[in-house]
Amino acid sequence: MDQKLQDLYKHVFPALESKKNEFHLYGYTVVTEKGLWDYLVQKKWRRKEISSMRSYEIVQDLFKLSPAQFMTYTQTEAQRNSSAFPELSDEERAILFSPRKID
């Protein structure tokens, strides 16, 4: 994680902790602050210039996150990074799990 992302992470850590505690109340006890942050950076903001985002935008995106969205992301990442499809090459696996436009 580069320095700007680390600074943003530290700045919004209380909000991340609050969201983690909310998920724990719903029974999702494996959720961590780092996991939530990774979701936002890799999924929600993958096409945004994160360093130019305002704190309220970051917190707003975090608080809109539902357990279903987060768990879908974590399950997809686990499958993407696993050897569940040993017959597929890395290229084929990337195609299988890449987001696609629906026409």
C-alpha atoms as a PDB file:
ATOM      1  CA  MET A   1       0.000   0.000   0.000  1.00  0.00           C
ATOM      2  CA  ASP A   2       1.473   3.346  -0.958  1.00  0.00           C
ATOM      3  CA  GLN A   3       1.869   6.189   1.537  1.00  0.00           C
ATOM      4  CA  LYS A   4      -1.240   8.122   0.443  1.00  0.00           C
ATOM      5  CA  LEU A   5      -3.433   5.030   0.824  1.00  0.00           C
ATOM      6  CA  GLN A   6      -1.882   4.305   4.232  1.00  0.00           C
ATOM      7  CA  ASP A   7      -2.643   7.850   5.350  1.00  0.00           C
ATOM      8  CA  LEU A   8      -6.259   7.569   4.150  1.00  0.00           C
ATOM      9  CA  TYR A   9      -6.584   4.185   5.861  1.00  0.00           C
ATOM     10  CA  LYS A  10      -5.385   5.641   9.167  1.00  0.00           C
ATOM     11  CA  HIS A  11      -7.648   8.669   8.759  1.00  0.00           C
ATOM     12  CA  VAL A  12     -10.837   6.625   8.244  1.00  0.00           C
ATOM     13  CA  PHE A  13      -9.875   3.745  10.560  1.00  0.00           C
ATOM     14  CA  PRO A  14     -12.560   4.629  13.155  1.00  0.00           C
ATOM     15  CA  ALA A  15     -15.236   4.310  10.442  1.00  0.00           C
ATOM     16  CA  LEU A  16     -13.742   1.002   9.286  1.00  0.00           C
ATOM     17  CA  GLU A  17     -13.771  -0.249  12.865  1.00  0.00           C
ATOM     18  CA  SER A  18     -17.396   0.830  13.279  1.00  0.00           C
ATOM     19  CA  LYS A  19     -18.431  -1.004  10.107  1.00  0.00           C
ATOM     20  CA  LYS A  20     -16.508  -4.095  11.201  1.00  0.00           C
ATOM     21  CA  ASN A  21     -18.355  -4.046  14.532  1.00  0.00           C
ATOM     22  CA  GLU A  22     -21.671  -3.725  12.692  1.00  0.00           C
ATOM     23  CA  PHE A  23     -20.849  -6.782  10.583  1.00  0.00           C
ATOM     24  CA  HIS A  24     -19.841  -8.679  13.731  1.00  0.00           C
ATOM     25  CA  LEU A  25     -23.277  -7.913  15.220  1.00  0.00           C
ATOM     26  CA  TYR A  26     -24.838  -9.551  12.156  1.00  0.00           C
ATOM     27  CA  GLY A  27     -22.694 -12.639  12.714  1.00  0.00           C
ATOM     28  CA  TYR A  28     -19.943 -11.952  10.158  1.00  0.00           C
ATOM     29  CA  THR A  29     -17.131 -12.316  12.662  1.00  0.00           C
ATOM     30  CA  VAL A  30     -14.339 -12.884  10.128  1.00  0.00           C
ATOM     31  CA  VAL A  31     -14.613  -9.324   8.766  1.00  0.00           C
ATOM     32  CA  THR A  32     -11.617  -7.077   9.484  1.00  0.00           C
ATOM     33  CA  GLU A  33     -10.860  -3.416   8.932  1.00  0.00           C
ATOM     34  CA  LYS A  34      -8.180  -4.391   6.399  1.00  0.00           C
ATOM     35  CA  GLY A  35     -10.655  -6.632   4.559  1.00  0.00           C
ATOM     36  CA  LEU A  36     -13.169  -3.807   4.302  1.00  0.00           C
ATOM     37  CA  TRP A  37     -10.468  -1.440   3.075  1.00  0.00           C
ATOM     38  CA  ASP A  38      -9.295  -3.951   0.469  1.00  0.00           C
ATOM     39  CA  TYR A  39     -12.880  -4.287  -0.798  1.00  0.00           C
ATOM     40  CA  LEU A  40     -13.184  -0.537  -1.213  1.00  0.00           C
ATOM     41  CA  VAL A  41      -9.815  -0.133  -2.939  1.00  0.00           C
ATOM     42  CA  GLN A  42      -9.966  -3.192  -5.192  1.00  0.00           C
ATOM     43  CA  LYS A  43     -13.673  -3.376  -5.995  1.00  0.00           C
ATOM     44  CA  LYS A  44     -15.553  -0.159  -5.266  1.00  0.00           C
ATOM     45  CA  TRP A  45     -12.851   2.310  -6.306  1.00  0.00           C
ATOM     46  CA  ARG A  46     -10.914   0.301  -8.877  1.00  0.00           C
ATOM     47  CA  ARG A  47     -11.497   2.988 -11.510  1.00  0.00           C
ATOM     48  CA  LYS A  48     -11.318   6.056  -9.252  1.00  0.00           C
ATOM     49  CA  GLU A  49      -8.442   8.303  -8.315  1.00  0.00           C
ATOM     50  CA  ILE A  50      -8.513   7.442  -4.618  1.00  0.00           C
ATOM     51  CA  SER A  51      -5.965  10.041  -3.568  1.00  0.00           C
ATOM     52  CA  SER A  52      -8.325  12.828  -4.685  1.00  0.00           C
ATOM     53  CA  MET A  53     -11.340  11.488  -2.779  1.00  0.00           C
ATOM     54  CA  ARG A  54     -12.684  13.387   0.203  1.00  0.00           C
ATOM     55  CA  SER A  55     -13.033  11.743   3.603  1.00  0.00           C
ATOM     56  CA  TYR A  56     -16.815  11.984   3.541  1.00  0.00           C
ATOM     57  CA  GLU A  57     -16.912  10.127   0.183  1.00  0.00           C
ATOM     58  CA  ILE A  58     -14.813   7.314   1.614  1.00  0.00           C
ATOM     59  CA  VAL A  59     -16.951   7.027   4.747  1.00  0.00           C
ATOM     60  CA  GLN A  60     -20.164   7.240   2.720  1.00  0.00           C
ATOM     61  CA  ASP A  61     -19.071   4.366   0.461  1.00  0.00           C
ATOM     62  CA  LEU A  62     -18.074   2.354   3.509  1.00  0.00           C
ATOM     63  CA  PHE A  63     -21.354   2.874   5.342  1.00  0.00           C
ATOM     64  CA  LYS A  64     -23.395   1.976   2.225  1.00  0.00           C
ATOM     65  CA  LEU A  65     -21.634  -1.394   2.034  1.00  0.00           C
ATOM     66  CA  SER A  66     -23.922  -4.325   2.772  1.00  0.00           C
ATOM     67  CA  PRO A  67     -22.837  -7.676   4.173  1.00  0.00           C
ATOM     68  CA  ALA A  68     -24.048  -9.377   0.968  1.00  0.00           C
ATOM     69  CA  GLN A  69     -21.822  -7.172  -1.221  1.00  0.00           C
ATOM     70  CA  PHE A  70     -18.797  -7.754   0.955  1.00  0.00           C
ATOM     71  CA  MET A  71     -19.278 -11.506   1.298  1.00  0.00           C
ATOM     72  CA  THR A  72     -19.803 -11.901  -2.454  1.00  0.00           C
ATOM     73  CA  TYR A  73     -16.518 -10.085  -3.015  1.00  0.00           C
ATOM     74  CA  THR A  74     -14.622 -12.205  -0.481  1.00  0.00           C
ATOM     75  CA  GLN A  75     -16.008 -15.446  -1.911  1.00  0.00           C
ATOM     76  CA  THR A  76     -15.117 -14.425  -5.456  1.00  0.00           C
ATOM     77  CA  GLU A  77     -11.597 -13.439  -4.398  1.00  0.00           C
ATOM     78  CA  ALA A  78     -11.167 -16.733  -2.560  1.00  0.00           C
ATOM     79  CA  GLN A  79     -12.195 -18.659  -5.671  1.00  0.00           C
ATOM     80  CA  ARG A  80     -10.033 -16.496  -7.907  1.00  0.00           C
ATOM     81  CA  ASN A  81      -6.976 -17.099  -5.736  1.00  0.00           C
ATOM     82  CA  SER A  82      -7.580 -20.779  -5.079  1.00  0.00           C
ATOM     83  CA  SER A  83      -6.700 -23.871  -6.991  1.00  0.00           C
ATOM     84  CA  ALA A  84     -10.379 -24.819  -7.316  1.00  0.00           C
ATOM     85  CA  PHE A  85      -9.986 -25.029 -11.085  1.00  0.00           C
ATOM     86  CA  PRO A  86      -6.659 -26.823 -11.575  1.00  0.00           C
ATOM     87  CA  GLU A  87      -7.399 -27.504 -15.234  1.00  0.00           C
ATOM     88  CA  LEU A  88      -7.536 -23.770 -16.038  1.00  0.00           C
ATOM     89  CA  SER A  89      -4.511 -21.688 -16.885  1.00  0.00           C
ATOM     90  CA  ASP A  90      -3.943 -18.344 -15.145  1.00  0.00           C
ATOM     91  CA  GLU A  91      -5.149 -16.564 -18.281  1.00  0.00           C
ATOM     92  CA  GLU A  92      -8.348 -18.625 -18.438  1.00  0.00           C
ATOM     93  CA  ARG A  93      -8.972 -18.029 -14.729  1.00  0.00           C
ATOM     94  CA  ALA A  94      -8.549 -14.270 -15.241  1.00  0.00           C
ATOM     95  CA  ILE A  95     -11.100 -14.326 -18.074  1.00  0.00           C
ATOM     96  CA  LEU A  96     -13.535 -16.385 -15.995  1.00  0.00           C
ATOM     97  CA  PHE A  97     -13.454 -13.955 -13.072  1.00  0.00           C
ATOM     98  CA  SER A  98     -13.178 -10.671 -14.960  1.00  0.00           C
ATOM     99  CA  PRO A  99     -16.100  -8.253 -14.848  1.00  0.00           C
ATOM    100  CA  ARG A 100     -18.012  -8.068 -18.110  1.00  0.00           C
ATOM    101  CA  LYS A 101     -20.408  -5.631 -19.672  1.00  0.00           C
ATOM    102  CA  ILE A 102     -23.858  -6.948 -20.350  1.00  0.00           C
ATOM    103  CA  ASP A 103     -25.175  -5.638 -23.650  1.00  0.00           C
END
